[in-house]
Each structure stands twice: as C-alpha cells, then as structure tokens.
C-alpha atoms as a PDB file:
ATOM      1  CA  MET A   1      18.634 -52.406  11.451  1.00  0.00           C
ATOM      2  CA  ASP A   2      18.668 -52.079   7.681  1.00  0.00           C
ATOM      3  CA  ALA A   3      18.447 -48.536   6.326  1.00  0.00           C
ATOM      4  CA  PRO A   4      14.778 -47.918   5.462  1.00  0.00           C
ATOM      5  CA  ALA A   5      13.642 -45.059   3.259  1.00  0.00           C
ATOM      6  CA  GLY A   6      11.474 -42.059   4.131  1.00  0.00           C
ATOM      7  CA  SER A   7       9.315 -41.989   7.232  1.00  0.00           C
ATOM      8  CA  ASP A   8       9.852 -45.717   7.727  1.00  0.00           C
ATOM      9  CA  ILE A   9      13.198 -44.868   9.340  1.00  0.00           C
ATOM     10  CA  VAL A  10      11.426 -43.771  12.543  1.00  0.00           C
ATOM     11  CA  ASP A  11       9.228 -46.874  12.706  1.00  0.00           C
ATOM     12  CA  ALA A  12      12.260 -49.112  12.154  1.00  0.00           C
ATOM     13  CA  ALA A  13      14.267 -47.260  14.825  1.00  0.00           C
ATOM     14  CA  ARG A  14      11.433 -47.501  17.336  1.00  0.00           C
ATOM     15  CA  ALA A  15      10.991 -51.228  16.696  1.00  0.00           C
ATOM     16  CA  THR A  16      14.739 -51.868  16.935  1.00  0.00           C
ATOM     17  CA  ALA A  17      15.068 -50.018  20.235  1.00  0.00           C
ATOM     18  CA  GLU A  18      12.047 -51.791  21.669  1.00  0.00           C
ATOM     19  CA  ARG A  19      13.374 -55.202  20.629  1.00  0.00           C
ATOM     20  CA  LEU A  20      16.787 -54.537  22.158  1.00  0.00           C
ATOM     21  CA  LEU A  21      15.749 -52.761  25.364  1.00  0.00           C
ATOM     22  CA  ALA A  22      12.096 -53.173  26.394  1.00  0.00           C
ATOM     23  CA  HIS A  23      12.317 -56.575  28.058  1.00  0.00           C
ATOM     24  CA  ALA A  24      15.989 -56.764  28.974  1.00  0.00           C
ATOM     25  CA  MET A  25      16.292 -53.199  30.339  1.00  0.00           C
ATOM     26  CA  PRO A  26      12.819 -51.867  31.220  1.00  0.00           C
ATOM     27  CA  ARG A  27      14.045 -48.749  33.054  1.00  0.00           C
ATOM     28  CA  ARG A  28      16.347 -47.825  30.161  1.00  0.00           C
ATOM     29  CA  TRP A  29      13.427 -48.467  27.809  1.00  0.00           C
ATOM     30  CA  LYS A  30      11.270 -45.952  29.744  1.00  0.00           C
ATOM     31  CA  HIS A  31      13.948 -43.308  29.189  1.00  0.00           C
ATOM     32  CA  VAL A  32      14.446 -44.188  25.517  1.00  0.00           C
ATOM     33  CA  ARG A  33      10.698 -44.281  24.840  1.00  0.00           C
ATOM     34  CA  ALA A  34      10.266 -40.812  26.358  1.00  0.00           C
ATOM     35  CA  VAL A  35      13.295 -39.426  24.457  1.00  0.00           C
ATOM     36  CA  GLY A  36      11.991 -40.874  21.179  1.00  0.00           C
ATOM     37  CA  ARG A  37       8.499 -39.492  21.736  1.00  0.00           C
ATOM     38  CA  LYS A  38       9.895 -36.080  22.657  1.00  0.00           C
ATOM     39  CA  ALA A  39      11.940 -36.037  19.436  1.00  0.00           C
ATOM     40  CA  GLU A  40       8.827 -36.904  17.440  1.00  0.00           C
ATOM     41  CA  ARG A  41       6.874 -34.096  19.174  1.00  0.00           C
ATOM     42  CA  ILE A  42       9.474 -31.435  18.388  1.00  0.00           C
ATOM     43  CA  GLY A  43      10.075 -32.717  14.856  1.00  0.00           C
ATOM     44  CA  PRO A  44       7.825 -30.145  13.162  1.00  0.00           C
ATOM     45  CA  ALA A  45      10.361 -27.442  14.099  1.00  0.00           C
ATOM     46  CA  PHE A  46      12.740 -29.017  11.553  1.00  0.00           C
ATOM     47  CA  SER A  47      12.626 -30.041   7.902  1.00  0.00           C
ATOM     48  CA  ALA A  48      10.990 -33.401   7.202  1.00  0.00           C
ATOM     49  CA  PRO A  49      14.278 -35.248   6.540  1.00  0.00           C
ATOM     50  CA  ASP A  50      15.910 -33.713   9.632  1.00  0.00           C
ATOM     51  CA  SER A  51      12.843 -34.492  11.722  1.00  0.00           C
ATOM     52  CA  ALA A  52      12.973 -38.172  10.747  1.00  0.00           C
ATOM     53  CA  THR A  53      16.733 -38.333  11.369  1.00  0.00           C
ATOM     54  CA  LEU A  54      16.306 -36.737  14.807  1.00  0.00           C
ATOM     55  CA  ALA A  55      13.524 -39.118  15.805  1.00  0.00           C
ATOM     56  CA  ALA A  56      15.420 -42.186  14.584  1.00  0.00           C
ATOM     57  CA  ALA A  57      18.579 -41.145  16.456  1.00  0.00           C
ATOM     58  CA  ALA A  58      16.542 -40.438  19.591  1.00  0.00           C
ATOM     59  CA  TRP A  59      14.944 -43.880  19.542  1.00  0.00           C
ATOM     60  CA  LEU A  60      18.343 -45.496  18.979  1.00  0.00           C
ATOM     61  CA  HIS A  61      20.600 -43.325  21.152  1.00  0.00           C
ATOM     62  CA  ASP A  62      20.960 -45.832  24.023  1.00  0.00           C
ATOM     63  CA  ILE A  63      20.857 -49.181  22.207  1.00  0.00           C
ATOM     64  CA  GLY A  64      24.565 -49.608  22.939  1.00  0.00           C
ATOM     65  CA  TYR A  65      23.577 -50.568  26.486  1.00  0.00           C
ATOM     66  CA  ALA A  66      22.000 -53.797  25.149  1.00  0.00           C
ATOM     67  CA  THR A  67      24.107 -56.715  26.356  1.00  0.00           C
ATOM     68  CA  ASP A  68      24.466 -58.258  22.905  1.00  0.00           C
ATOM     69  CA  LEU A  69      25.857 -54.995  21.488  1.00  0.00           C
ATOM     70  CA  VAL A  70      28.505 -54.280  24.138  1.00  0.00           C
ATOM     71  CA  ASP A  71      32.002 -54.175  22.665  1.00  0.00           C
ATOM     72  CA  THR A  72      34.011 -51.321  24.199  1.00  0.00           C
ATOM     73  CA  GLY A  73      31.615 -50.767  27.106  1.00  0.00           C
ATOM     74  CA  PHE A  74      30.972 -47.203  25.893  1.00  0.00           C
ATOM     75  CA  HIS A  75      27.353 -47.271  24.774  1.00  0.00           C
ATOM     76  CA  PRO A  76      27.409 -44.463  22.170  1.00  0.00           C
ATOM     77  CA  LEU A  77      30.266 -46.110  20.266  1.00  0.00           C
ATOM     78  CA  ASP A  78      28.930 -49.647  20.681  1.00  0.00           C
ATOM     79  CA  GLY A  79      25.457 -48.645  19.494  1.00  0.00           C
ATOM     80  CA  ALA A  80      26.773 -46.698  16.508  1.00  0.00           C
ATOM     81  CA  ARG A  81      29.058 -49.535  15.453  1.00  0.00           C
ATOM     82  CA  TRP A  82      26.163 -51.977  15.577  1.00  0.00           C
ATOM     83  CA  LEU A  83      23.995 -49.607  13.547  1.00  0.00           C
ATOM     84  CA  ARG A  84      26.736 -49.188  10.954  1.00  0.00           C
ATOM     85  CA  SER A  85      27.127 -52.981  10.712  1.00  0.00           C
ATOM     86  CA  ARG A  86      23.391 -53.243  10.046  1.00  0.00           C
ATOM     87  CA  GLY A  87      23.439 -50.678   7.237  1.00  0.00           C
ATOM     88  CA  ALA A  88      21.744 -47.874   9.139  1.00  0.00           C
ATOM     89  CA  GLU A  89      21.803 -44.376   7.708  1.00  0.00           C
ATOM     90  CA  THR A  90      25.278 -42.928   8.292  1.00  0.00           C
ATOM     91  CA  ARG A  91      23.996 -39.701   9.831  1.00  0.00           C
ATOM     92  CA  VAL A  92      21.840 -41.583  12.340  1.00  0.00           C
ATOM     93  CA  ALA A  93      24.825 -43.702  13.409  1.00  0.00           C
ATOM     94  CA  MET A  94      26.983 -40.569  13.740  1.00  0.00           C
ATOM     95  CA  LEU A  95      24.360 -38.845  15.904  1.00  0.00           C
ATOM     96  CA  VAL A  96      24.032 -41.934  18.110  1.00  0.00           C
ATOM     97  CA  ALA A  97      27.826 -42.141  18.444  1.00  0.00           C
ATOM     98  CA  ASN A  98      28.094 -38.530  19.507  1.00  0.00           C
ATOM     99  CA  HIS A  99      24.856 -37.958  21.386  1.00  0.00           C
ATOM    100  CA  SER A 100      25.004 -35.673  24.388  1.00  0.00           C
ATOM    101  CA  CYS A 101      28.664 -34.655  23.983  1.00  0.00           C
ATOM    102  CA  ALA A 102      29.855 -38.253  23.964  1.00  0.00           C
ATOM    103  CA  LEU A 103      33.288 -37.207  22.717  1.00  0.00           C
ATOM    104  CA  ILE A 104      33.967 -35.603  26.104  1.00  0.00           C
ATOM    105  CA  GLU A 105      33.119 -38.824  27.937  1.00  0.00           C
ATOM    106  CA  ALA A 106      35.099 -40.790  25.352  1.00  0.00           C
ATOM    107  CA  ALA A 107      38.166 -38.738  26.334  1.00  0.00           C
ATOM    108  CA  GLU A 108      37.620 -39.785  29.961  1.00  0.00           C
ATOM    109  CA  ARG A 109      37.660 -43.405  28.759  1.00  0.00           C
ATOM    110  CA  GLY A 110      40.585 -43.078  26.347  1.00  0.00           C
ATOM    111  CA  LEU A 111      38.285 -43.638  23.365  1.00  0.00           C
ATOM    112  CA  ASP A 112      38.089 -40.105  21.974  1.00  0.00           C
ATOM    113  CA  ARG A 113      40.399 -40.712  19.007  1.00  0.00           C
ATOM    114  CA  THR A 114      38.567 -43.926  18.109  1.00  0.00           C
ATOM    115  CA  LEU A 115      35.173 -42.230  18.321  1.00  0.00           C
ATOM    116  CA  ALA A 116      36.260 -39.163  16.343  1.00  0.00           C
ATOM    117  CA  ASP A 117      37.939 -41.250  13.646  1.00  0.00           C
ATOM    118  CA  GLU A 118      34.973 -43.568  13.166  1.00  0.00           C
ATOM    119  CA  PHE A 119      32.114 -41.125  13.706  1.00  0.00           C
ATOM    120  CA  PRO A 120      32.900 -37.417  13.219  1.00  0.00           C
ATOM    121  CA  VAL A 121      30.937 -35.005  15.409  1.00  0.00           C
ATOM    122  CA  GLU A 122      28.091 -33.139  13.749  1.00  0.00           C
ATOM    123  CA  HIS A 123      27.494 -29.584  14.959  1.00  0.00           C
ATOM    124  CA  SER A 124      23.914 -28.818  13.963  1.00  0.00           C
ATOM    125  CA  ALA A 125      20.454 -27.957  15.193  1.00  0.00           C
ATOM    126  CA  ILE A 126      19.624 -31.682  15.001  1.00  0.00           C
ATOM    127  CA  ALA A 127      22.598 -32.641  17.197  1.00  0.00           C
ATOM    128  CA  ASP A 128      21.474 -29.953  19.669  1.00  0.00           C
ATOM    129  CA  ALA A 129      17.900 -31.243  19.571  1.00  0.00           C
ATOM    130  CA  LEU A 130      19.068 -34.780  20.362  1.00  0.00           C
ATOM    131  CA  ILE A 131      20.913 -33.394  23.403  1.00  0.00           C
ATOM    132  CA  TYR A 132      17.738 -31.521  24.376  1.00  0.00           C
ATOM    133  CA  CYS A 133      15.616 -34.679  24.164  1.00  0.00           C
ATOM    134  CA  ASP A 134      18.110 -36.790  26.132  1.00  0.00           C
ATOM    135  CA  LEU A 135      19.146 -34.219  28.737  1.00  0.00           C
ATOM    136  CA  THR A 136      15.609 -33.132  29.611  1.00  0.00           C
ATOM    137  CA  THR A 137      14.396 -36.699  30.174  1.00  0.00           C
ATOM    138  CA  GLY A 138      15.115 -38.642  33.350  1.00  0.00           C
ATOM    139  CA  PRO A 139      15.880 -42.355  33.572  1.00  0.00           C
ATOM    140  CA  ASP A 140      12.217 -43.075  34.360  1.00  0.00           C
ATOM    141  CA  GLY A 141      10.973 -41.049  31.367  1.00  0.00           C
ATOM    142  CA  ARG A 142       9.902 -37.967  33.309  1.00  0.00           C
ATOM    143  CA  SER A 143      10.718 -34.543  31.887  1.00  0.00           C
ATOM    144  CA  LEU A 144      13.366 -32.654  33.836  1.00  0.00           C
ATOM    145  CA  THR A 145      15.297 -29.442  33.445  1.00  0.00           C
ATOM    146  CA  VAL A 146      18.783 -29.933  32.073  1.00  0.00           C
ATOM    147  CA  GLU A 147      20.187 -28.832  35.439  1.00  0.00           C
ATOM    148  CA  ASP A 148      18.107 -31.421  37.307  1.00  0.00           C
ATOM    149  CA  ARG A 149      19.098 -34.105  34.800  1.00  0.00           C
ATOM    150  CA  LEU A 150      22.801 -33.350  35.273  1.00  0.00           C
ATOM    151  CA  SER A 151      22.343 -33.457  39.060  1.00  0.00           C
ATOM    152  CA  GLU A 152      20.538 -36.792  38.724  1.00  0.00           C
ATOM    153  CA  ILE A 153      23.393 -38.176  36.599  1.00  0.00           C
ATOM    154  CA  ARG A 154      26.015 -37.090  39.128  1.00  0.00           C
ATOM    155  CA  ALA A 155      24.037 -38.576  42.018  1.00  0.00           C
ATOM    156  CA  ARG A 156      23.335 -41.849  40.213  1.00  0.00           C
ATOM    157  CA  TYR A 157      26.923 -42.500  39.138  1.00  0.00           C
ATOM    158  CA  GLY A 158      28.660 -40.996  42.169  1.00  0.00           C
ATOM    159  CA  ALA A 159      31.304 -38.344  42.637  1.00  0.00           C
ATOM    160  CA  GLY A 160      34.573 -39.135  40.946  1.00  0.00           C
ATOM    161  CA  SER A 161      33.077 -41.629  38.492  1.00  0.00           C
ATOM    162  CA  VAL A 162      33.870 -41.365  34.793  1.00  0.00           C
ATOM    163  CA  VAL A 163      30.306 -40.270  34.102  1.00  0.00           C
ATOM    164  CA  ALA A 164      30.316 -37.632  36.881  1.00  0.00           C
ATOM    165  CA  ARG A 165      33.609 -36.247  35.557  1.00  0.00           C
ATOM    166  CA  PHE A 166      32.117 -36.152  32.080  1.00  0.00           C
ATOM    167  CA  ALA A 167      29.025 -34.300  33.380  1.00  0.00           C
ATOM    168  CA  GLU A 168      31.254 -31.660  34.949  1.00  0.00           C
ATOM    169  CA  ARG A 169      33.342 -31.189  31.808  1.00  0.00           C
ATOM    170  CA  ALA A 170      30.372 -31.238  29.417  1.00  0.00           C
ATOM    171  CA  GLU A 171      27.870 -29.210  31.464  1.00  0.00           C
ATOM    172  CA  LYS A 172      28.404 -25.891  29.675  1.00  0.00           C
ATOM    173  CA  ASP A 173      28.100 -27.475  26.219  1.00  0.00           C
ATOM    174  CA  LEU A 174      25.063 -29.547  27.196  1.00  0.00           C
ATOM    175  CA  VAL A 175      23.216 -26.615  28.731  1.00  0.00           C
ATOM    176  CA  SER A 176      24.046 -24.428  25.722  1.00  0.00           C
ATOM    177  CA  ALA A 177      22.660 -27.027  23.291  1.00  0.00           C
ATOM    178  CA  VAL A 178      19.469 -27.349  25.330  1.00  0.00           C
ATOM    179  CA  ARG A 179      19.041 -23.550  25.425  1.00  0.00           C
ATOM    180  CA  ARG A 180      19.596 -23.233  21.652  1.00  0.00           C
ATOM    181  CA  THR A 181      16.936 -25.876  21.066  1.00  0.00           C
ATOM    182  CA  GLN A 182      14.508 -24.219  23.474  1.00  0.00           C
ATOM    183  CA  ARG A 183      14.924 -20.933  21.575  1.00  0.00           C
ATOM    184  CA  ARG A 184      14.420 -22.722  18.260  1.00  0.00           C
ATOM    185  CA  LEU A 185      11.248 -24.402  19.531  1.00  0.00           C
ATOM    186  CA  ALA A 186       9.914 -21.129  20.942  1.00  0.00           C
ATOM    187  CA  ALA A 187      10.568 -19.356  17.623  1.00  0.00           C
ATOM    188  CA  HIS A 188       8.844 -22.169  15.735  1.00  0.00           C
ATOM    189  CA  ALA A 189       5.841 -22.043  18.078  1.00  0.00           C
ATOM    190  CA  ALA A 190       5.624 -18.273  17.581  1.00  0.00           C
ATOM    191  CA  GLY A 191       5.621 -18.792  13.822  1.00  0.00           C
ATOM    192  CA  GLY A 192       9.136 -17.414  13.323  1.00  0.00           C
ATOM    193  CA  SER A 193      11.881 -18.885  11.221  1.00  0.00           C
ATOM    194  CA  THR A 194      13.966 -21.648  12.708  1.00  0.00           C
END
C-alpha cells in the first residue's frame, strides 16, 4: 500500500484490507469492515488528519492475519512491517503495530522489545479510538460492550492461551481506553470540546 495523500488514505486502506482479507478470511473481513466503518462514523470527533489516520488504521489493523503477510505470527507486527515495506504513512503503521495494547501481547510472545524498537507506542486519543473500534466489535462485525468482547476473546482462544493471558493483563488498559473514547464521543455529540 503506497502512501496516498489526503482523504485517499482511507480509500486505499479499505481497498487494501478488502484485497487481503475479504475472500481468504471472510469472518475476519466482517470484523475489519465493521471496525473500519465504526472508525469512519466517529471520525468527526477528531481533526480531519486524525480522522483519516484513525480510519486508515482501523481498516488495516488486522491485515497481518493474511497468509502472505505472516512473518512472526504476531499479526500487529506482521501487518505493520508489511505496511512499512509498502511505504504506508508511518503513523498508520505504528497504530496498526500497537493496536489494542499489542505490546502486552507481544511480551507474552517474547516480541515486546522488537515491537517497541520498530514501532513505538503512541499514547493519544486516536490510539484510544482505535482500541474502542476494535474492542467494541465482535468477530462477526456486531457491536459489543468491551466487557463482552473481552469475554468472547477469552472463550474463543481458551483459558491459558497466549491471547487469554494477554486479555487478562490488558483488560484495565483496554477498558480505560474505551471509556475515554466514549466520553470524548459524548462530549463531541453534546457540542463540547474534545
């Protein structure tokens, strides 16, 4: 995915995700499509550049699951590396690499130093909003509460799995990011400053 300018970044991200996931991984595509659409819907709560960055990262957040992109087997890192190799916007690649507290799961996999060295974590309203979009969307694209989504993750991967351990360790941070975003969206809807 070459780095497009302006609003084209969202269209390019959407097309890239669809090409990589829609046919090969239809269930994953349902999730990604819903996450991307949710990011586009909440975009007006942010500045135009941040809104486009959020939407692009949301559309691309799970491309690392695509078979042709797998390198380490850790989808945030694999997706971000592929994006970087294609000249994607650096911030988008960093958000993909670190989406939904990925550094915590990377530690479970022994990849935390690699991830942090290659793609530093961004602490921002946009990073929180990406967590909100991902962690309030189920694997079939349905909207869920963050608590229900974490329960679904634990059930799907099984107790004791790397992903279940990650969910336990990251729960507080994930829920906090979702709550911050919900407050931001509520303030924006009420006409307040965000």
